[in-house]
Amino acid sequence: MLRVNAIHQDVQFTKPMTAAVHREIKDLAQWLELELTIPVFAT
């Protein structure tokens, strides 16, 4: 299991940036063949 406990923003994320971060994390979990658990955070 790949568990993402927090995502820290150096700058305020735009909606496209947030989507890209989620996509990259999802792709990493798939590549590692792991189930993904990610927290819900406000955008």
C-alpha atoms as a PDB file:
ATOM      1  CA  MET A   1       0.000   0.000   0.000  1.00  0.00           C
ATOM      2  CA  LEU A   2       1.231   3.480  -0.876  1.00  0.00           C
ATOM      3  CA  ARG A   3      -0.139   5.824   1.760  1.00  0.00           C
ATOM      4  CA  VAL A   4       0.104   9.568   1.235  1.00  0.00           C
ATOM      5  CA  ASN A   5      -0.346  11.224   4.619  1.00  0.00           C
ATOM      6  CA  ALA A   6       0.209  14.786   3.506  1.00  0.00           C
ATOM      7  CA  ILE A   7       0.936  16.898   0.483  1.00  0.00           C
ATOM      8  CA  HIS A   8       2.814  20.096   1.240  1.00  0.00           C
ATOM      9  CA  GLN A   9       2.446  23.085  -1.054  1.00  0.00           C
ATOM     10  CA  ASP A  10       5.436  25.384  -1.502  1.00  0.00           C
ATOM     11  CA  VAL A  11       3.053  27.693  -3.353  1.00  0.00           C
ATOM     12  CA  GLN A  12      -0.733  27.762  -3.478  1.00  0.00           C
ATOM     13  CA  PHE A  13      -1.826  25.003  -5.891  1.00  0.00           C
ATOM     14  CA  THR A  14      -4.059  25.900  -8.792  1.00  0.00           C
ATOM     15  CA  LYS A  15      -6.721  23.388  -9.824  1.00  0.00           C
ATOM     16  CA  PRO A  16      -4.540  22.118 -12.716  1.00  0.00           C
ATOM     17  CA  MET A  17      -1.569  21.733 -10.337  1.00  0.00           C
ATOM     18  CA  THR A  18      -3.708  19.795  -7.851  1.00  0.00           C
ATOM     19  CA  ALA A  19      -4.942  17.498 -10.614  1.00  0.00           C
ATOM     20  CA  ALA A  20      -1.365  16.941 -11.826  1.00  0.00           C
ATOM     21  CA  VAL A  21      -0.134  16.049  -8.321  1.00  0.00           C
ATOM     22  CA  HIS A  22      -2.988  13.570  -7.856  1.00  0.00           C
ATOM     23  CA  ARG A  23      -2.292  12.064 -11.277  1.00  0.00           C
ATOM     24  CA  GLU A  24       1.434  11.653 -10.540  1.00  0.00           C
ATOM     25  CA  ILE A  25       0.750   9.961  -7.191  1.00  0.00           C
ATOM     26  CA  LYS A  26      -1.829   7.657  -8.783  1.00  0.00           C
ATOM     27  CA  ASP A  27       0.616   6.795 -11.591  1.00  0.00           C
ATOM     28  CA  LEU A  28       3.344   6.028  -9.036  1.00  0.00           C
ATOM     29  CA  ALA A  29       1.052   3.672  -7.109  1.00  0.00           C
ATOM     30  CA  GLN A  30       0.078   1.901 -10.329  1.00  0.00           C
ATOM     31  CA  TRP A  31       3.711   1.596 -11.418  1.00  0.00           C
ATOM     32  CA  LEU A  32       4.625   0.112  -8.029  1.00  0.00           C
ATOM     33  CA  GLU A  33       1.520  -2.122  -8.237  1.00  0.00           C
ATOM     34  CA  LEU A  34       0.301  -0.807  -4.896  1.00  0.00           C
ATOM     35  CA  GLU A  35      -3.101   0.210  -3.594  1.00  0.00           C
ATOM     36  CA  LEU A  36      -3.272   3.962  -3.025  1.00  0.00           C
ATOM     37  CA  THR A  37      -4.630   5.733   0.026  1.00  0.00           C
ATOM     38  CA  ILE A  38      -4.640   9.516  -0.272  1.00  0.00           C
ATOM     39  CA  PRO A  39      -6.202  12.118   2.033  1.00  0.00           C
ATOM     40  CA  VAL A  40      -8.842  14.492   0.799  1.00  0.00           C
ATOM     41  CA  PHE A  41      -7.685  18.097   1.006  1.00  0.00           C
ATOM     42  CA  ALA A  42      -9.249  21.367   0.040  1.00  0.00           C
ATOM     43  CA  THR A  43      -8.144  23.131  -3.114  1.00  0.00           C
END
